């Protein structure tokens, strides 16, 4: 169920900076898709006016593109960079799975909401690029862990679709997911399926 705009993080400042608008827009788009993003309700939820919006953005499309760029950079590129120093493919996968299923288990991935608007050109491009990059990253870690490249590709798709399913269930049926105290054993099960 989509949250009302009123639950977007309110920020008390004399003038909101561009990043506050971008984060708030991304939250709305992750919940409601691009079609659910309207400037006036977003401004109200941030406790400001549309004038603040136009100070930072040309139009709604400019905000959408900035939000999509942030999503790609912060939730894909930055995560991959963070995992880089870990010793091997299996360690990187375990840390990634722990992060997405345990550490960040309370927030569904924005791609679930964005998928509703895959016909929007900017969404289609970024969603396709992010999806491919994430699957390729998982496949590369599986190959580094000793899995044949073709099999690694299949397992990477399985892992990513499982992640998206988890994110969807967080919205629609959170009670069906393992309770937080059993998520670590869920991660162990996924690791066994991926690297065996």
Protein backbone atom coordinates (compact mmCIF):
# COMPACT_ATOMS: atom_id res chain seq x y z
CA UNK A 1 0.00 0.00 0.00
CA UNK A 2 1.37 3.38 -0.95
CA UNK A 3 2.18 5.75 1.86
CA UNK A 4 0.66 9.22 1.77
CA UNK A 5 3.00 12.01 0.74
CA UNK A 6 2.87 13.25 4.31
CA UNK A 7 5.23 10.46 5.38
CA UNK A 8 8.08 11.70 3.19
CA UNK A 9 10.83 12.85 5.52
CA UNK A 10 10.19 16.44 6.54
CA UNK A 11 13.23 18.65 6.67
CA UNK A 12 13.32 21.87 8.64
CA UNK A 13 15.56 24.35 6.86
CA UNK A 14 15.23 27.89 5.63
CA UNK A 15 15.65 26.68 2.07
CA UNK A 16 15.73 23.05 1.01
CA UNK A 17 18.71 21.96 -1.00
CA UNK A 18 18.48 20.00 -4.24
CA UNK A 19 19.39 16.69 -2.58
CA UNK A 20 16.42 16.85 -0.20
CA UNK A 21 14.07 17.17 -3.16
CA UNK A 22 15.83 14.34 -5.00
CA UNK A 23 15.68 11.95 -2.02
CA UNK A 24 12.02 12.75 -1.38
CA UNK A 25 11.14 12.29 -5.06
CA UNK A 26 12.96 8.95 -5.15
CA UNK A 27 11.03 7.77 -2.10
CA UNK A 28 7.73 8.68 -3.78
CA UNK A 29 8.78 7.09 -7.09
CA UNK A 30 9.86 3.94 -5.26
CA UNK A 31 6.44 3.71 -3.65
CA UNK A 32 4.14 4.98 -6.40
CA UNK A 33 6.18 5.02 -9.57
CA UNK A 34 6.88 8.06 -11.70
CA UNK A 35 3.17 8.55 -12.39
CA UNK A 36 2.62 9.07 -8.65
CA UNK A 37 5.10 11.95 -8.41
CA UNK A 38 3.47 15.38 -8.33
CA UNK A 39 5.34 18.53 -7.36
CA UNK A 40 2.71 20.29 -5.25
CA UNK A 41 2.05 17.39 -2.85
CA UNK A 42 5.79 16.74 -2.63
CA UNK A 43 6.42 20.40 -1.76
CA UNK A 44 3.70 20.28 0.92
CA UNK A 45 5.19 17.11 2.42
CA UNK A 46 8.55 18.88 2.64
CA UNK A 47 6.95 21.92 4.24
CA UNK A 48 7.79 24.25 1.37
CA UNK A 49 6.36 25.69 -1.84
CA UNK A 50 6.69 24.96 -5.53
CA UNK A 51 8.95 28.01 -5.71
CA UNK A 52 11.64 26.05 -3.88
CA UNK A 53 11.27 23.27 -6.43
CA UNK A 54 11.76 25.66 -9.36
CA UNK A 55 14.82 27.12 -7.67
CA UNK A 56 16.55 23.73 -8.13
CA UNK A 57 14.87 22.08 -11.14
CA UNK A 58 13.70 23.11 -14.62
CA UNK A 59 10.65 20.87 -14.45
CA UNK A 60 9.32 17.54 -13.19
CA UNK A 61 11.39 15.57 -15.73
CA UNK A 62 14.57 17.20 -14.43
CA UNK A 63 13.67 16.01 -10.92
CA UNK A 64 12.85 12.50 -12.19
CA UNK A 65 16.21 12.26 -13.95
CA UNK A 66 18.06 13.50 -10.86
CA UNK A 67 16.24 10.97 -8.65
CA UNK A 68 17.01 8.12 -11.04
CA UNK A 69 20.67 9.16 -11.17
CA UNK A 70 20.84 9.19 -7.38
CA UNK A 71 19.25 5.73 -7.23
CA UNK A 72 21.75 4.32 -9.70
CA UNK A 73 24.73 5.94 -7.99
CA UNK A 74 23.80 5.36 -4.34
CA UNK A 75 22.05 2.02 -4.50
CA UNK A 76 24.16 0.28 -7.12
CA UNK A 77 27.49 1.97 -7.87
CA UNK A 78 28.24 2.88 -4.24
CA UNK A 79 27.27 -0.59 -2.99
CA UNK A 80 29.52 -2.30 -5.53
CA UNK A 81 32.39 0.02 -4.62
CA UNK A 82 31.88 -0.67 -0.91
CA UNK A 83 32.14 -4.44 -1.49
CA UNK A 84 35.27 -4.18 -3.63
CA UNK A 85 37.87 -4.47 -0.86
CA UNK A 86 36.47 -7.76 0.48
CA UNK A 87 38.69 -10.79 0.01
CA UNK A 88 36.82 -12.90 -2.53
CA UNK A 89 33.61 -13.43 -4.48
CA UNK A 90 31.94 -15.50 -1.78
CA UNK A 91 32.71 -12.88 0.89
CA UNK A 92 31.36 -10.09 -1.33
CA UNK A 93 28.17 -12.06 -2.01
CA UNK A 94 27.63 -12.83 1.67
CA UNK A 95 28.10 -9.17 2.60
CA UNK A 96 25.74 -8.10 -0.20
CA UNK A 97 23.06 -10.58 0.85
CA UNK A 98 23.44 -9.56 4.48
CA UNK A 99 23.07 -5.91 3.53
CA UNK A 100 19.96 -6.38 1.41
CA UNK A 101 18.15 -9.00 3.46
CA UNK A 102 19.18 -8.04 6.99
CA UNK A 103 20.74 -4.61 7.35
CA UNK A 104 18.34 -2.86 4.94
CA UNK A 105 15.44 -5.25 5.40
CA UNK A 106 13.00 -2.48 6.28
CA UNK A 107 13.18 -0.66 2.95
CA UNK A 108 12.09 -2.22 -0.32
CA UNK A 109 14.20 -1.55 -3.38
CA UNK A 110 13.05 1.41 -5.45
CA UNK A 111 13.11 -0.74 -8.59
CA UNK A 112 9.85 -2.36 -7.49
CA UNK A 113 7.97 0.95 -7.71
CA UNK A 114 9.91 2.12 -10.75
CA UNK A 115 9.01 -1.03 -12.70
CA UNK A 116 5.42 0.22 -12.88
CA UNK A 117 6.64 3.01 -15.17
CA UNK A 118 9.09 1.09 -17.32
CA UNK A 119 7.50 2.75 -20.35
CA UNK A 120 8.90 6.11 -19.24
CA UNK A 121 12.09 6.57 -21.32
CA UNK A 122 14.32 7.67 -18.44
CA UNK A 123 13.04 4.89 -16.17
CA UNK A 124 13.44 2.27 -18.88
CA UNK A 125 17.05 3.23 -19.54
CA UNK A 126 18.13 3.44 -15.91
CA UNK A 127 16.15 0.41 -14.75
CA UNK A 128 17.58 -1.70 -17.55
CA UNK A 129 21.13 -0.52 -16.87
CA UNK A 130 20.87 -1.02 -13.10
CA UNK A 131 19.29 -4.46 -13.46
CA UNK A 132 21.99 -5.60 -15.88
CA UNK A 133 24.78 -4.17 -13.71
CA UNK A 134 23.47 -5.86 -10.56
CA UNK A 135 23.01 -9.25 -12.26
CA UNK A 136 26.44 -9.02 -13.89
CA UNK A 137 28.02 -8.13 -10.55
CA UNK A 138 26.50 -11.16 -8.83
CA UNK A 139 27.53 -13.39 -11.76
CA UNK A 140 31.10 -12.09 -11.56
CA UNK A 141 31.25 -12.90 -7.84
CA UNK A 142 29.94 -16.40 -8.50
CA UNK A 143 32.60 -16.94 -11.18
CA UNK A 144 35.23 -15.68 -8.71
CA UNK A 145 33.87 -18.27 -6.24
CA UNK A 146 34.45 -21.05 -8.78
CA UNK A 147 31.08 -21.37 -10.55
CA UNK A 148 31.06 -21.91 -14.33
CA UNK A 149 30.27 -18.64 -16.18
CA UNK A 150 27.03 -19.82 -17.81
CA UNK A 151 25.77 -21.35 -14.57
CA UNK A 152 26.84 -18.21 -12.69
CA UNK A 153 24.67 -16.15 -15.05
CA UNK A 154 21.64 -18.35 -14.32
CA UNK A 155 22.23 -18.21 -10.58
CA UNK A 156 22.71 -14.44 -10.69
CA UNK A 157 19.30 -14.02 -12.34
CA UNK A 158 17.80 -16.33 -9.71
CA UNK A 159 19.43 -14.32 -6.91
CA UNK A 160 18.24 -11.00 -8.31
CA UNK A 161 14.69 -12.13 -8.92
CA UNK A 162 14.64 -13.49 -5.36
CA UNK A 163 15.74 -10.08 -4.12
CA UNK A 164 13.01 -8.33 -6.12
CA UNK A 165 10.47 -10.85 -4.82
CA UNK A 166 11.62 -10.09 -1.27
CA UNK A 167 11.23 -6.35 -1.93
CA UNK A 168 7.74 -6.89 -3.35
CA UNK A 169 6.70 -9.01 -0.37
CA UNK A 170 7.98 -6.34 2.03
CA UNK A 171 5.24 -4.15 0.58
CA UNK A 172 2.47 -6.66 0.04
CA UNK A 173 2.92 -9.43 2.63
CA UNK A 174 5.71 -8.64 5.11
CA UNK A 175 4.39 -11.24 7.54
CA UNK A 176 5.25 -14.00 5.05
CA UNK A 177 8.96 -13.16 5.20
CA UNK A 178 11.24 -14.74 7.79
CA UNK A 179 11.28 -12.70 11.01
CA UNK A 180 14.34 -10.49 11.45
CA UNK A 181 15.96 -12.87 13.96
CA UNK A 182 15.89 -15.65 11.32
CA UNK A 183 17.12 -13.57 8.40
CA UNK A 184 20.74 -14.59 8.96
CA UNK A 185 19.80 -18.25 8.46
CA UNK A 186 17.88 -17.20 5.32
CA UNK A 187 21.08 -15.60 4.02
CA UNK A 188 22.93 -18.87 4.77
CA UNK A 189 20.35 -20.78 2.73
CA UNK A 190 20.66 -18.41 -0.20
CA UNK A 191 24.46 -18.69 -0.08
CA UNK A 192 24.20 -22.50 -0.17
CA UNK A 193 21.94 -22.29 -3.23
CA UNK A 194 24.25 -19.87 -5.01
CA UNK A 195 27.59 -21.46 -4.19
CA UNK A 196 27.35 -25.22 -4.13
